[in-house]
Amino acid sequence: MTQLATASPSESTQQSMPLSGRLPSLTGLRWVAAFLVFGMHVRNFGFFGPGPAANVMATVFQAGGTGVSFFFILSGFVLMWSSRPKDTALGFLRRRVARIYPVHLVCVLAALLLAVTIGSEMTPGAGPLLANVFLLHSWWPDYNYYQSLDPVSWSLVCELLFYVSFPLFGRLARHLQARGAAVFAVASAVAVVAVPVAITVHPISWPIYFFPLARLGEFTLGIALARLVMLGRWRGPGLDVALAVTLIGYFVVPALPNAFGNTFCTLLGFSLLIPAAATADIRGTHSVWRKPAMERLGEWSFSFYMVHVLVLGAVKTLLPGTISLSAPAGLVVVLAMFGVSLGLAWALFTFVETPGRKFITGGRRKPVRTAPSPA
């Protein structure tokens, strides 16, 4: 996966990183991943009828679900990067839950409102509702659970598992030097690949894509990659090459079974792209991903991710004539839904996510600005 330098670990990277520890390129890339997920859902909802526009949507966004894999790897990287050795597990969990729960709760209420008024979302039973509220619903292999209310919230169940496990994995990673971190990264990547291989050899009825334990390897991979960067021992390619590898893997996804396409094809690319972007920020080299507009969109990306399917579902239910549209009409509808989703994302970030986090944490310690993971 990477080539390691033969010299002993140095503190050169630590000394040259920005004093704030900010990695704005990762925030910008987070927006790209969220937008890919949006495009995939637009395509899946069928707003474009058969024709060139639908073909373009399929080509560009069929693999958009890999954006979730990017979120999971990035979560591990960011948590390792911003962790404090003397932090308590309880304090860490409080801050992490504060990043996701206010928006989740508002989206639960919004989905319930949509379910009982226009029927654009499923009205859950008591079990799925409680499981969803407490971020447990994707532990059940039941569609009525893991796709209840706001469908994308299943990924927050995975994030909650990551948060609970990070005090263990983070402590382990902090004691690793370059060789150990590289082994940890390879072992994590093998664990990620083993999941689709296993269910191909021995098919199961469990929707493994949504199962939190099946996604844990992506998170630990991010932790290991961050450790290599923190040690100054990352020797991967620059942003341009890393992006090229990522794009190749992304467009290969449709050629493979879903079990492999969701993680396998882009695993190498994401494992190169995230450290490359972080290294560009540390060294101050060029990165289009840290442009102010990209960083701002990245800050809104979690709220955008959480709200966009609710918007798409509401439009499809209220305006059934918006399905299978011609290219011009479909483009107008999609741009309108994008604008509404982005506006709601700004509102959620400004009036729910930010004040909610400050309320839960008591305004303690301004976190590293990499935006919460929308996954």
Protein backbone atom coordinates (compact mmCIF):
# COMPACT_ATOMS: atom_id res chain seq x y z
CA MET A 1 0.00 0.00 0.00
CA THR A 2 2.82 2.40 0.78
CA GLN A 3 6.58 2.55 0.78
CA LEU A 4 8.12 3.30 4.15
CA ALA A 5 11.30 5.29 4.68
CA THR A 6 14.18 3.41 6.25
CA ALA A 7 15.19 6.20 8.60
CA SER A 8 13.97 6.24 12.17
CA PRO A 9 10.67 8.03 12.91
CA SER A 10 11.11 11.77 13.11
CA GLU A 11 9.09 14.67 14.38
CA SER A 12 9.48 16.62 11.14
CA THR A 13 5.84 16.22 10.19
CA GLN A 14 4.66 17.28 13.61
CA GLN A 15 6.87 20.35 13.45
CA SER A 16 5.71 21.39 9.97
CA MET A 17 1.97 20.87 10.38
CA PRO A 18 -0.30 23.90 10.81
CA LEU A 19 -0.42 25.07 14.38
CA SER A 20 -4.20 24.63 14.44
CA GLY A 21 -3.91 21.05 13.23
CA ARG A 22 -6.54 21.82 10.59
CA LEU A 23 -6.83 19.66 7.50
CA PRO A 24 -9.19 21.68 5.28
CA SER A 25 -8.61 19.53 2.20
CA LEU A 26 -10.26 16.62 3.98
CA THR A 27 -13.25 18.82 4.72
CA GLY A 28 -13.51 19.72 1.04
CA LEU A 29 -13.22 16.10 -0.04
CA ARG A 30 -15.97 15.21 2.40
CA TRP A 31 -18.31 17.43 0.39
CA VAL A 32 -17.40 15.58 -2.81
CA ALA A 33 -18.25 12.26 -1.17
CA ALA A 34 -21.59 13.60 0.10
CA PHE A 35 -22.41 14.93 -3.38
CA LEU A 36 -21.68 11.53 -4.93
CA VAL A 37 -24.14 9.93 -2.51
CA PHE A 38 -26.71 12.57 -3.48
CA GLY A 39 -26.18 11.82 -7.17
CA MET A 40 -26.54 8.09 -6.59
CA HIS A 41 -29.87 8.60 -4.84
CA VAL A 42 -31.11 10.94 -7.60
CA ARG A 43 -30.28 8.22 -10.08
CA ASN A 44 -31.91 5.49 -7.97
CA PHE A 45 -35.12 7.50 -7.53
CA GLY A 46 -35.49 7.60 -11.32
CA PHE A 47 -36.06 11.30 -11.92
CA PHE A 48 -34.59 10.97 -15.43
CA GLY A 49 -36.39 8.83 -17.98
CA PRO A 50 -34.57 6.44 -20.35
CA GLY A 51 -32.15 8.31 -22.56
CA PRO A 52 -28.77 10.07 -22.57
CA ALA A 53 -29.37 11.91 -19.28
CA ALA A 54 -30.18 8.70 -17.42
CA ASN A 55 -27.13 7.06 -18.99
CA VAL A 56 -24.90 9.91 -17.83
CA MET A 57 -26.33 9.67 -14.31
CA ALA A 58 -25.66 5.94 -14.28
CA THR A 59 -22.10 6.39 -15.51
CA VAL A 60 -21.20 9.18 -13.10
CA PHE A 61 -23.16 8.19 -10.00
CA GLN A 62 -23.74 4.43 -10.06
CA ALA A 63 -20.75 4.07 -7.73
CA GLY A 64 -21.78 7.02 -5.56
CA GLY A 65 -22.38 4.72 -2.61
CA THR A 66 -18.62 4.37 -2.26
CA GLY A 67 -18.76 7.83 -0.73
CA VAL A 68 -19.90 6.12 2.47
CA SER A 69 -16.73 4.01 2.47
CA PHE A 70 -14.76 7.25 2.11
CA PHE A 71 -16.60 8.66 5.15
CA PHE A 72 -15.75 5.61 7.24
CA ILE A 73 -12.04 5.62 6.38
CA LEU A 74 -11.93 9.38 6.89
CA SER A 75 -13.58 9.04 10.30
CA GLY A 76 -10.76 6.84 11.52
CA PHE A 77 -8.16 9.21 10.08
CA VAL A 78 -9.70 12.35 11.59
CA LEU A 79 -10.31 10.83 15.03
CA MET A 80 -6.73 9.59 15.22
CA TRP A 81 -5.38 12.92 13.97
CA SER A 82 -7.33 14.99 16.49
CA SER A 83 -7.17 12.61 19.46
CA ARG A 84 -5.57 13.58 22.77
CA PRO A 85 -3.55 10.93 24.63
CA LYS A 86 -4.90 11.98 28.03
CA ASP A 87 -8.52 12.21 26.90
CA THR A 88 -11.08 10.14 28.80
CA ALA A 89 -13.33 7.70 26.97
CA LEU A 90 -16.42 9.40 28.38
CA GLY A 91 -15.28 12.87 27.34
CA PHE A 92 -14.41 11.63 23.86
CA LEU A 93 -17.79 9.92 23.43
CA ARG A 94 -19.64 13.00 24.63
CA ARG A 95 -17.94 15.19 22.03
CA ARG A 96 -18.49 12.71 19.22
CA VAL A 97 -22.15 12.12 19.98
CA ALA A 98 -22.57 15.90 20.18
CA ARG A 99 -21.39 16.12 16.57
CA ILE A 100 -24.08 13.82 15.15
CA TYR A 101 -27.02 13.46 17.51
CA PRO A 102 -28.69 16.91 17.29
CA VAL A 103 -29.00 16.65 13.49
CA HIS A 104 -30.04 13.01 13.73
CA LEU A 105 -32.81 13.83 16.18
CA VAL A 106 -34.15 16.66 14.00
CA CYS A 107 -34.12 14.37 10.96
CA VAL A 108 -35.98 11.69 12.94
CA LEU A 109 -38.69 14.23 13.74
CA ALA A 110 -38.77 15.44 10.13
CA ALA A 111 -39.07 11.88 8.81
CA LEU A 112 -41.88 11.14 11.25
CA LEU A 113 -43.70 14.27 10.12
CA LEU A 114 -43.31 13.30 6.47
CA ALA A 115 -44.45 9.75 7.23
CA VAL A 116 -47.70 10.76 8.92
CA THR A 117 -48.55 13.66 6.57
CA ILE A 118 -47.60 12.73 3.00
CA GLY A 119 -46.34 9.17 3.44
CA SER A 120 -42.97 9.76 1.77
CA GLU A 121 -41.24 7.77 4.50
CA MET A 122 -42.29 4.54 6.21
CA THR A 123 -44.19 4.95 9.46
CA PRO A 124 -42.12 2.76 11.79
CA GLY A 125 -43.39 0.49 14.51
CA ALA A 126 -42.35 1.05 18.10
CA GLY A 127 -39.31 -1.24 17.78
CA PRO A 128 -37.78 0.36 14.68
CA LEU A 129 -38.58 3.83 16.00
CA LEU A 130 -36.78 3.29 19.31
CA ALA A 131 -33.87 1.55 17.59
CA ASN A 132 -33.54 4.45 15.17
CA VAL A 133 -33.71 7.15 17.83
CA PHE A 134 -30.92 5.45 19.81
CA LEU A 135 -28.86 4.63 16.70
CA LEU A 136 -29.17 0.87 16.95
CA HIS A 137 -31.32 0.14 13.92
CA SER A 138 -28.76 -1.26 11.47
CA TRP A 139 -27.88 -4.04 13.92
CA TRP A 140 -31.14 -5.70 12.81
CA PRO A 141 -31.14 -7.57 9.43
CA ASP A 142 -34.63 -6.24 8.79
CA TYR A 143 -35.39 -3.60 6.17
CA ASN A 144 -38.03 -2.06 8.42
CA TYR A 145 -35.26 -1.38 10.93
CA TYR A 146 -32.14 -0.41 9.01
CA GLN A 147 -34.04 1.74 6.49
CA SER A 148 -36.47 3.25 8.97
CA LEU A 149 -37.22 6.99 8.97
CA ASP A 150 -34.24 8.84 7.44
CA PRO A 151 -32.77 5.98 5.35
CA VAL A 152 -29.17 7.23 5.42
CA SER A 153 -29.05 7.22 9.23
CA TRP A 154 -27.98 3.57 9.18
CA SER A 155 -24.43 4.82 8.69
CA LEU A 156 -24.59 6.68 12.01
CA VAL A 157 -25.00 3.33 13.74
CA CYS A 158 -21.64 2.36 12.25
CA GLU A 159 -20.18 5.67 13.38
CA LEU A 160 -21.41 5.06 16.91
CA LEU A 161 -19.61 1.70 16.92
CA PHE A 162 -16.49 3.48 15.70
CA TYR A 163 -16.73 6.01 18.51
CA VAL A 164 -17.16 3.33 21.15
CA SER A 165 -14.22 1.34 19.82
CA PHE A 166 -11.84 4.25 19.19
CA PRO A 167 -10.50 4.55 22.76
CA LEU A 168 -9.18 1.00 22.28
CA PHE A 169 -7.92 1.27 18.71
CA GLY A 170 -6.60 4.80 19.19
CA ARG A 171 -4.60 3.77 22.25
CA LEU A 172 -3.20 0.83 20.31
CA ALA A 173 -2.24 3.01 17.34
CA ARG A 174 -0.48 5.61 19.49
CA HIS A 175 1.97 2.92 20.59
CA LEU A 176 2.76 1.83 17.04
CA GLN A 177 5.79 2.96 15.10
CA ALA A 178 5.92 2.99 11.30
CA ARG A 179 6.25 -0.75 10.73
CA GLY A 180 3.47 -1.57 13.17
CA ALA A 181 1.18 1.10 11.69
CA ALA A 182 1.81 -0.28 8.20
CA VAL A 183 0.94 -3.80 9.37
CA PHE A 184 -2.20 -2.42 11.04
CA ALA A 185 -3.19 -0.71 7.77
CA VAL A 186 -2.66 -3.86 5.71
CA ALA A 187 -4.54 -6.01 8.22
CA SER A 188 -7.45 -3.55 8.16
CA ALA A 189 -7.52 -3.56 4.36
CA VAL A 190 -7.51 -7.36 4.34
CA ALA A 191 -10.45 -7.33 6.77
CA VAL A 192 -12.37 -5.00 4.44
CA VAL A 193 -11.74 -7.22 1.41
CA ALA A 194 -12.50 -10.40 3.36
CA VAL A 195 -16.13 -9.37 3.88
CA PRO A 196 -17.24 -9.47 0.21
CA VAL A 197 -15.09 -12.54 -0.42
CA ALA A 198 -16.71 -14.38 2.48
CA ILE A 199 -20.29 -13.60 1.49
CA THR A 200 -19.53 -14.55 -2.12
CA VAL A 201 -18.18 -17.95 -1.10
CA HIS A 202 -20.85 -18.46 1.57
CA PRO A 203 -23.91 -16.33 0.66
CA ILE A 204 -25.99 -15.06 3.57
CA SER A 205 -29.31 -13.26 3.78
CA TRP A 206 -27.94 -10.58 6.13
CA PRO A 207 -27.63 -7.16 4.41
CA ILE A 208 -23.94 -6.97 5.20
CA TYR A 209 -23.49 -3.52 3.61
CA PHE A 210 -25.45 -1.99 6.52
CA PHE A 211 -23.98 -4.14 9.30
CA PRO A 212 -21.69 -2.08 11.57
CA LEU A 213 -19.12 -4.80 12.31
CA ALA A 214 -18.62 -5.38 8.58
CA ARG A 215 -17.54 -1.73 8.19
CA LEU A 216 -15.13 -1.62 11.13
CA GLY A 217 -12.10 -2.42 8.97
CA GLU A 218 -12.56 0.79 6.99
CA PHE A 219 -12.47 2.78 10.21
CA THR A 220 -9.33 1.08 11.56
CA LEU A 221 -7.66 1.55 8.18
CA GLY A 222 -8.15 5.29 8.57
CA ILE A 223 -6.63 5.16 12.05
CA ALA A 224 -3.54 3.36 10.75
CA LEU A 225 -3.10 5.77 7.84
CA ALA A 226 -3.31 8.74 10.19
CA ARG A 227 -0.66 7.22 12.43
CA LEU A 228 1.72 6.90 9.47
CA VAL A 229 1.17 10.55 8.54
CA MET A 230 1.62 11.67 12.16
CA LEU A 231 4.93 9.80 12.33
CA GLY A 232 6.14 11.50 9.16
CA ARG A 233 6.48 8.10 7.50
CA TRP A 234 3.83 8.32 4.80
CA ARG A 235 5.45 7.78 1.38
CA GLY A 236 2.40 7.56 -0.85
CA PRO A 237 1.90 9.51 -4.09
CA GLY A 238 0.75 13.10 -4.33
CA LEU A 239 -2.81 14.31 -4.74
CA ASP A 240 -2.93 14.05 -8.53
CA VAL A 241 -1.84 10.41 -8.69
CA ALA A 242 -3.97 9.47 -5.69
CA LEU A 243 -7.01 11.06 -7.32
CA ALA A 244 -6.32 9.23 -10.59
CA VAL A 245 -6.14 5.87 -8.79
CA THR A 246 -9.37 6.71 -6.96
CA LEU A 247 -11.19 7.60 -10.19
CA ILE A 248 -10.06 4.40 -11.90
CA GLY A 249 -11.40 2.33 -9.01
CA TYR A 250 -14.60 4.38 -8.89
CA PHE A 251 -15.48 3.75 -12.53
CA VAL A 252 -14.61 0.05 -12.27
CA VAL A 253 -17.28 -0.42 -9.57
CA PRO A 254 -20.20 -1.21 -11.95
CA ALA A 255 -18.23 -4.10 -13.44
CA LEU A 256 -18.14 -6.02 -10.15
CA PRO A 257 -20.84 -7.55 -7.95
CA ASN A 258 -22.34 -5.15 -5.42
CA ALA A 259 -20.60 -6.88 -2.52
CA PHE A 260 -17.21 -5.93 -4.01
CA GLY A 261 -18.15 -2.63 -5.62
CA ASN A 262 -19.20 -0.99 -2.37
CA THR A 263 -15.71 -1.10 -0.86
CA PHE A 264 -13.15 -3.12 -2.82
CA CYS A 265 -12.67 -1.02 -5.94
CA THR A 266 -12.03 2.30 -4.22
CA LEU A 267 -10.20 1.00 -1.16
CA LEU A 268 -6.72 1.60 -2.58
CA GLY A 269 -7.64 4.99 -4.02
CA PHE A 270 -9.17 6.28 -0.79
CA SER A 271 -6.20 4.91 1.17
CA LEU A 272 -3.91 7.04 -0.99
CA LEU A 273 -6.14 10.09 -1.40
CA ILE A 274 -6.84 10.83 2.27
CA PRO A 275 -3.18 10.83 3.41
CA ALA A 276 -2.19 12.72 0.26
CA ALA A 277 -4.71 15.47 1.00
CA ALA A 278 -3.62 15.65 4.64
CA THR A 279 0.04 15.81 3.61
CA ALA A 280 -0.70 18.62 1.16
CA ASP A 281 -2.24 20.63 4.00
CA ILE A 282 0.68 19.90 6.32
CA ARG A 283 3.23 21.00 3.73
CA GLY A 284 1.15 23.86 2.38
CA THR A 285 1.28 22.55 -1.19
CA HIS A 286 -1.47 23.19 -3.72
CA SER A 287 -4.84 21.59 -3.07
CA VAL A 288 -8.06 22.64 -4.77
CA TRP A 289 -9.95 20.84 -2.01
CA ARG A 290 -9.10 23.49 0.59
CA LYS A 291 -10.55 26.40 -1.35
CA PRO A 292 -12.87 28.42 0.94
CA ALA A 293 -15.99 27.37 -0.98
CA MET A 294 -15.05 23.69 -0.76
CA GLU A 295 -14.30 23.97 2.94
CA ARG A 296 -17.62 25.69 3.60
CA LEU A 297 -19.53 23.04 1.68
CA GLY A 298 -17.61 20.39 3.58
CA GLU A 299 -18.74 21.90 6.86
CA TRP A 300 -22.35 21.54 5.68
CA SER A 301 -21.81 18.06 4.25
CA PHE A 302 -23.06 16.08 7.26
CA SER A 303 -26.34 17.99 7.39
CA PHE A 304 -26.63 17.76 3.59
CA TYR A 305 -26.10 14.01 3.73
CA MET A 306 -28.71 13.61 6.45
CA VAL A 307 -31.45 15.67 4.81
CA HIS A 308 -31.17 15.00 1.07
CA VAL A 309 -33.05 11.68 0.89
CA LEU A 310 -35.93 13.21 2.85
CA VAL A 311 -36.12 15.96 0.23
CA LEU A 312 -35.98 13.52 -2.69
CA GLY A 313 -38.65 11.31 -1.14
CA ALA A 314 -40.96 14.23 -0.42
CA VAL A 315 -40.70 15.52 -4.00
CA LYS A 316 -41.33 12.06 -5.46
CA THR A 317 -44.43 11.64 -3.27
CA LEU A 318 -45.89 15.12 -3.66
CA LEU A 319 -45.08 15.42 -7.37
CA PRO A 320 -45.25 11.92 -8.89
CA GLY A 321 -45.00 13.51 -12.32
CA THR A 322 -41.33 14.27 -11.62
CA ILE A 323 -40.35 10.63 -12.25
CA SER A 324 -38.89 9.60 -15.65
CA LEU A 325 -38.60 13.16 -16.91
CA SER A 326 -36.90 14.39 -20.05
CA ALA A 327 -33.36 15.69 -19.65
CA PRO A 328 -34.22 19.44 -19.43
CA ALA A 329 -37.16 18.96 -17.06
CA GLY A 330 -35.25 16.45 -14.96
CA LEU A 331 -32.30 18.82 -14.67
CA VAL A 332 -34.57 21.60 -13.40
CA VAL A 333 -36.14 19.30 -10.80
CA VAL A 334 -32.78 17.93 -9.65
CA LEU A 335 -31.25 21.39 -9.36
CA ALA A 336 -34.26 22.52 -7.33
CA MET A 337 -33.95 19.53 -4.99
CA PHE A 338 -30.24 20.15 -4.67
CA GLY A 339 -30.86 23.79 -3.80
CA VAL A 340 -33.47 22.89 -1.19
CA SER A 341 -31.20 20.23 0.31
CA LEU A 342 -28.27 22.64 0.45
CA GLY A 343 -30.40 25.37 2.01
CA LEU A 344 -31.67 22.97 4.65
CA ALA A 345 -28.10 21.80 5.25
CA TRP A 346 -27.01 25.38 5.93
CA ALA A 347 -29.94 25.85 8.31
CA LEU A 348 -29.22 22.59 10.14
CA PHE A 349 -25.53 23.40 10.43
CA THR A 350 -26.20 26.94 11.66
CA PHE A 351 -29.16 26.43 13.96
CA VAL A 352 -28.94 22.77 15.04
CA GLU A 353 -25.55 21.15 14.51
CA THR A 354 -23.30 23.93 15.82
CA PRO A 355 -25.38 25.13 18.81
CA GLY A 356 -26.38 21.55 19.65
CA ARG A 357 -22.75 20.50 19.83
CA LYS A 358 -21.87 23.46 22.03
CA PHE A 359 -24.82 22.74 24.33
CA ILE A 360 -23.92 19.08 24.82
CA THR A 361 -20.21 19.70 25.32
CA GLY A 362 -20.65 22.87 27.35
CA GLY A 363 -18.62 24.82 24.81
CA ARG A 364 -15.42 22.98 25.72
CA ARG A 365 -12.45 22.84 23.37
CA LYS A 366 -12.94 23.95 19.82
CA PRO A 367 -12.47 20.78 17.76
CA VAL A 368 -10.20 20.33 14.77
CA ARG A 369 -12.16 21.70 11.81
CA THR A 370 -12.66 18.70 9.59
CA ALA A 371 -16.47 18.60 9.83
CA PRO A 372 -18.32 15.65 11.33
CA SER A 373 -18.57 12.53 9.25
CA PRO A 374 -21.83 12.10 7.37
CA ALA A 375 -21.57 8.42 7.71
